[in-house]
Protein backbone atom coordinates (compact mmCIF):
# COMPACT_ATOMS: atom_id res chain seq x y z
CA MET A 1 -74.65 58.84 11.78
CA LYS A 2 -77.19 56.15 12.66
CA ILE A 3 -76.05 53.78 15.41
CA GLY A 4 -77.49 50.55 16.83
CA ILE A 5 -76.12 48.70 19.86
CA MET A 6 -77.34 45.25 20.87
CA GLN A 7 -76.03 42.19 22.66
CA PRO A 8 -75.05 39.37 20.28
CA TYR A 9 -77.97 37.00 19.80
CA PHE A 10 -77.77 33.60 18.13
CA VAL A 11 -79.59 33.54 14.74
CA PRO A 12 -82.15 36.07 16.07
CA TYR A 13 -85.64 36.90 14.83
CA ILE A 14 -86.28 39.24 11.89
CA GLY A 15 -86.59 42.36 14.07
CA TYR A 16 -82.95 42.12 15.09
CA TRP A 17 -81.89 42.16 11.43
CA GLN A 18 -84.22 45.06 10.68
CA LEU A 19 -82.41 47.16 13.27
CA MET A 20 -78.99 46.10 11.99
CA ASN A 21 -79.99 46.92 8.42
CA LEU A 22 -81.30 50.43 9.03
CA VAL A 23 -78.22 51.82 10.84
CA ASP A 24 -74.83 52.90 9.48
CA ARG A 25 -72.79 51.26 12.23
CA TYR A 26 -73.93 48.39 14.45
CA VAL A 27 -72.16 47.69 17.73
CA ILE A 28 -72.07 44.12 19.03
CA TYR A 29 -72.41 44.78 22.77
CA ASP A 30 -70.10 42.10 24.12
CA ASP A 31 -68.66 43.70 27.28
CA VAL A 32 -71.77 43.56 29.45
CA ASN A 33 -72.79 40.70 31.71
CA PHE A 34 -74.03 37.46 30.22
CA ILE A 35 -77.76 36.86 30.72
CA LYS A 36 -78.80 33.30 31.44
CA GLY A 37 -82.05 32.21 29.82
CA GLY A 38 -81.79 34.94 27.17
CA TRP A 39 -81.08 34.82 23.44
CA ILE A 40 -77.29 34.94 23.39
CA ASN A 41 -76.80 31.19 22.99
CA ARG A 42 -80.18 29.94 21.78
CA ASN A 43 -83.15 30.56 19.53
CA ARG A 44 -86.30 28.83 18.35
CA ILE A 45 -87.07 26.94 15.18
CA LEU A 46 -90.27 25.29 13.97
CA VAL A 47 -90.55 21.61 14.92
CA ASN A 48 -93.81 19.70 14.28
CA GLY A 49 -95.78 22.93 14.05
CA GLY A 50 -94.46 24.49 17.25
CA PRO A 51 -91.38 26.35 18.53
CA LYS A 52 -88.38 24.40 19.81
CA TYR A 53 -85.04 25.69 21.07
CA ILE A 54 -81.68 25.03 19.49
CA ASN A 55 -78.66 25.91 21.62
CA VAL A 56 -75.00 26.78 21.36
CA PRO A 57 -73.19 24.72 24.03
CA MET A 58 -71.08 26.94 26.29
CA LEU A 59 -68.24 26.86 28.80
CA GLY A 60 -68.07 29.25 31.73
CA ALA A 61 -71.47 30.86 31.23
CA SER A 62 -72.57 32.87 34.28
CA PRO A 63 -74.30 36.19 35.04
CA ASN A 64 -71.05 37.11 36.82
CA VAL A 65 -68.95 37.19 33.64
CA LEU A 66 -69.03 39.33 30.51
CA ILE A 67 -70.46 37.94 27.29
CA ASN A 68 -67.01 37.95 25.68
CA GLU A 69 -65.67 35.83 28.53
CA VAL A 70 -68.04 32.96 27.70
CA LYS A 71 -66.57 30.25 25.49
CA VAL A 72 -68.24 28.05 22.91
CA ASP A 73 -68.08 24.33 23.65
CA HIS A 74 -67.23 22.87 20.25
CA ASN A 75 -68.78 19.53 21.09
CA GLU A 76 -69.16 17.71 17.78
CA ALA A 77 -72.01 15.53 19.04
CA VAL A 78 -74.03 18.56 20.13
CA ILE A 79 -73.36 20.43 16.88
CA ARG A 80 -74.41 17.42 14.83
CA LYS A 81 -77.55 17.07 16.95
CA SER A 82 -78.47 20.71 16.27
CA LEU A 83 -77.90 20.23 12.56
CA ARG A 84 -80.04 17.08 12.58
CA SER A 85 -82.79 19.06 14.34
CA ILE A 86 -82.63 21.74 11.64
CA GLU A 87 -82.60 19.12 8.91
CA GLY A 88 -85.56 17.26 10.39
CA ALA A 89 -87.51 20.48 10.83
CA TYR A 90 -86.89 22.04 7.42
CA ARG A 91 -85.74 19.49 4.84
CA LYS A 92 -89.09 19.85 3.03
CA ALA A 93 -89.02 23.67 3.23
CA PRO A 94 -88.72 25.38 -0.16
CA TYR A 95 -85.33 27.04 0.48
CA TYR A 96 -83.69 24.31 2.56
CA GLY A 97 -81.11 23.57 -0.13
CA VAL A 98 -79.88 27.16 -0.06
CA ILE A 99 -80.04 27.84 3.68
CA TYR A 100 -78.86 24.57 5.26
CA PRO A 101 -75.24 24.83 3.97
CA MET A 102 -75.09 28.36 5.38
CA LEU A 103 -76.15 27.07 8.79
CA GLU A 104 -73.57 24.28 8.65
CA ASP A 105 -70.92 26.95 8.08
CA ILE A 106 -72.20 28.95 11.06
CA LEU A 107 -72.48 26.07 13.52
CA TRP A 108 -69.05 24.69 12.67
CA CYS A 109 -67.39 28.08 13.15
CA GLU A 110 -64.24 27.57 15.23
CA GLU A 111 -64.33 30.88 17.13
CA GLU A 112 -64.05 30.25 20.88
CA ASN A 113 -65.44 33.56 22.16
CA ILE A 114 -69.24 33.35 21.87
CA ALA A 115 -69.49 36.99 20.79
CA LYS A 116 -67.02 36.39 17.95
CA TYR A 117 -68.84 33.15 17.08
CA ILE A 118 -72.09 35.09 16.72
CA GLU A 119 -70.35 37.93 14.89
CA TYR A 120 -69.28 35.39 12.26
CA SER A 121 -72.92 34.34 11.81
CA PHE A 122 -73.88 38.01 11.35
CA HIS A 123 -71.43 38.30 8.47
CA VAL A 124 -72.68 35.08 6.83
CA ILE A 125 -76.39 35.85 7.11
CA GLY A 126 -75.88 39.58 6.55
CA LYS A 127 -74.19 38.87 3.23
CA TYR A 128 -77.13 36.71 2.14
CA LEU A 129 -79.59 39.45 3.13
CA GLY A 130 -77.58 42.21 1.47
CA ILE A 131 -76.94 44.04 4.75
CA GLN A 132 -73.99 46.39 4.30
CA THR A 133 -73.91 47.90 7.79
CA GLU A 134 -70.47 48.22 9.38
CA LEU A 135 -70.16 45.86 12.36
CA LEU A 136 -68.16 46.97 15.41
CA VAL A 137 -67.46 45.18 18.69
CA SER A 138 -68.06 47.09 21.91
CA SER A 139 -64.98 45.74 23.72
CA ASP A 140 -62.78 47.13 20.90
CA LEU A 141 -63.93 50.69 21.63
CA GLU A 142 -62.06 52.88 24.11
CA LYS A 143 -64.59 54.05 26.68
CA ASP A 144 -65.26 54.31 30.41
CA ASN A 145 -66.22 50.74 31.28
CA THR A 146 -67.32 51.74 34.78
CA LEU A 147 -70.41 53.26 33.16
CA LYS A 148 -73.59 51.19 33.20
CA GLY A 149 -76.86 50.97 31.31
CA GLN A 150 -77.98 54.06 29.43
CA ASP A 151 -74.85 56.03 30.37
CA LYS A 152 -72.59 53.44 28.72
CA VAL A 153 -74.72 53.38 25.58
CA LEU A 154 -74.63 57.18 25.39
CA ALA A 155 -70.84 57.11 25.76
CA ILE A 156 -70.57 54.74 22.80
CA CYS A 157 -72.93 56.92 20.78
CA ARG A 158 -70.84 60.03 21.49
CA GLN A 159 -67.63 58.23 20.55
CA LEU A 160 -69.13 57.15 17.22
CA ASN A 161 -70.56 60.63 16.52
CA ALA A 162 -74.12 59.36 16.54
CA THR A 163 -76.87 61.68 15.43
CA GLU A 164 -79.53 58.97 15.77
CA TYR A 165 -79.72 55.90 17.99
CA PHE A 166 -81.98 52.95 17.21
CA ASN A 167 -83.03 50.21 19.62
CA ALA A 168 -85.49 47.33 19.68
CA ILE A 169 -88.97 48.10 20.95
CA GLY A 170 -88.22 46.45 24.31
CA GLY A 171 -85.69 49.19 25.00
CA GLN A 172 -88.47 51.67 25.77
CA GLU A 173 -88.09 50.69 29.41
CA LEU A 174 -84.34 51.30 29.36
CA TYR A 175 -83.77 54.50 27.40
CA SER A 176 -85.06 58.04 27.83
CA PHE A 177 -85.88 60.38 24.94
CA GLU A 178 -84.84 63.30 27.13
CA ALA A 179 -81.43 61.86 28.00
CA PHE A 180 -80.60 61.30 24.33
CA ARG A 181 -82.00 64.66 23.26
CA LYS A 182 -79.69 66.41 25.75
CA GLN A 183 -76.78 64.77 23.94
CA GLY A 184 -78.05 65.94 20.56
CA ILE A 185 -79.08 62.39 19.55
CA GLN A 186 -82.48 61.34 18.22
CA LEU A 187 -83.76 58.16 19.86
CA HIS A 188 -85.90 55.69 17.89
CA PHE A 189 -87.43 52.32 18.71
CA VAL A 190 -87.97 49.71 16.03
CA LYS A 191 -91.27 47.84 16.15
CA THR A 192 -91.56 44.91 13.76
CA GLN A 193 -94.82 44.81 11.83
CA ASP A 194 -96.84 41.62 11.59
CA ILE A 195 -94.98 39.29 9.24
CA VAL A 196 -96.86 36.13 8.27
CA TYR A 197 -95.86 33.44 5.77
CA ASP A 198 -96.73 29.82 5.13
CA GLN A 199 -95.16 27.28 7.52
CA PHE A 200 -96.17 23.94 5.98
CA GLY A 201 -99.81 25.04 6.15
CA ASN A 202 -99.82 25.04 9.98
CA GLU A 203 -100.98 27.76 12.35
CA PHE A 204 -98.38 30.53 12.05
CA GLN A 205 -95.73 30.71 14.76
CA PRO A 206 -94.32 34.27 14.96
CA ASN A 207 -90.92 35.59 16.01
CA LEU A 208 -88.94 32.42 15.38
CA SER A 209 -85.26 32.52 14.40
CA ILE A 210 -84.29 34.08 11.09
CA ILE A 211 -83.64 30.45 10.10
CA ASP A 212 -87.39 29.93 9.81
CA VAL A 213 -87.92 33.09 7.74
CA MET A 214 -85.15 32.15 5.31
CA MET A 215 -86.26 28.52 4.96
CA PHE A 216 -89.79 29.47 3.88
CA ASN A 217 -89.19 32.65 1.87
CA PRO A 218 -87.12 33.56 -1.18
CA GLN A 219 -84.17 35.85 -0.63
CA SER A 220 -86.04 38.75 -2.25
CA LYS A 221 -88.99 38.41 0.14
CA VAL A 222 -86.76 38.25 3.24
CA LYS A 223 -85.11 41.47 2.06
CA GLU A 224 -88.58 43.03 1.79
CA TYR A 225 -89.29 41.96 5.38
CA LEU A 226 -86.25 43.95 6.52
CA ALA A 227 -88.28 47.09 5.81
CA ALA A 228 -91.47 45.86 7.52
CA TYR A 229 -91.16 47.90 10.71
CA THR A 230 -92.54 51.02 12.35
CA LEU A 231 -90.32 53.60 14.04
CA ILE A 232 -91.40 55.05 17.36
CA SER A 233 -89.71 58.39 17.88
CA GLU A 234 -90.14 61.36 20.19
CA GLN A 235 -92.95 63.68 19.14
CA GLU A 236 -91.79 67.15 18.13
């Protein structure tokens, strides 16, 4: 059983989807503390050749509350502004006509809990990308919530009968091959390969939101990108 566990990120970069696609069950890690200045409520799109943030307006966001305690502020003016930003940035992109309606659906989602709001976007985009991974929500799992960090992740892995655990490359600082091996679980880190495509003929801006990838590439090519990664695993 291949398991991935990550905090919910708003329309994240291609590497996030690669991880989701390669596991059997993907846990949306919503019962850990909210991180200000992270990727939970924002991401970057291409505006005038450079990266620019788009944001989900929030209520009650603080490092002192859990992600699933943060609410989405369904401010129509802000949502319309974000949609205008996307329209202005990509209306001449080759796949705008296909992708923009999908993003309207996502941004107008009426879920109040930001984790559920993002989960909805995972289903919408995942369907387009052909991702069939089962999505679970961490707060729905019965576990010892006094555990922290690696111990909590290991507890979730044991509950889900994980034989392999996959994490983004940045997790190398957080997770130990030895700790997972002792639990009979293989640990892998997913490193996205260089993915370059045309962005209106400008200098390429990497690691933007999946929005950018989908606007400039046909569905078939984006699906190919889901496999453009290298696994870093413990040496035998």
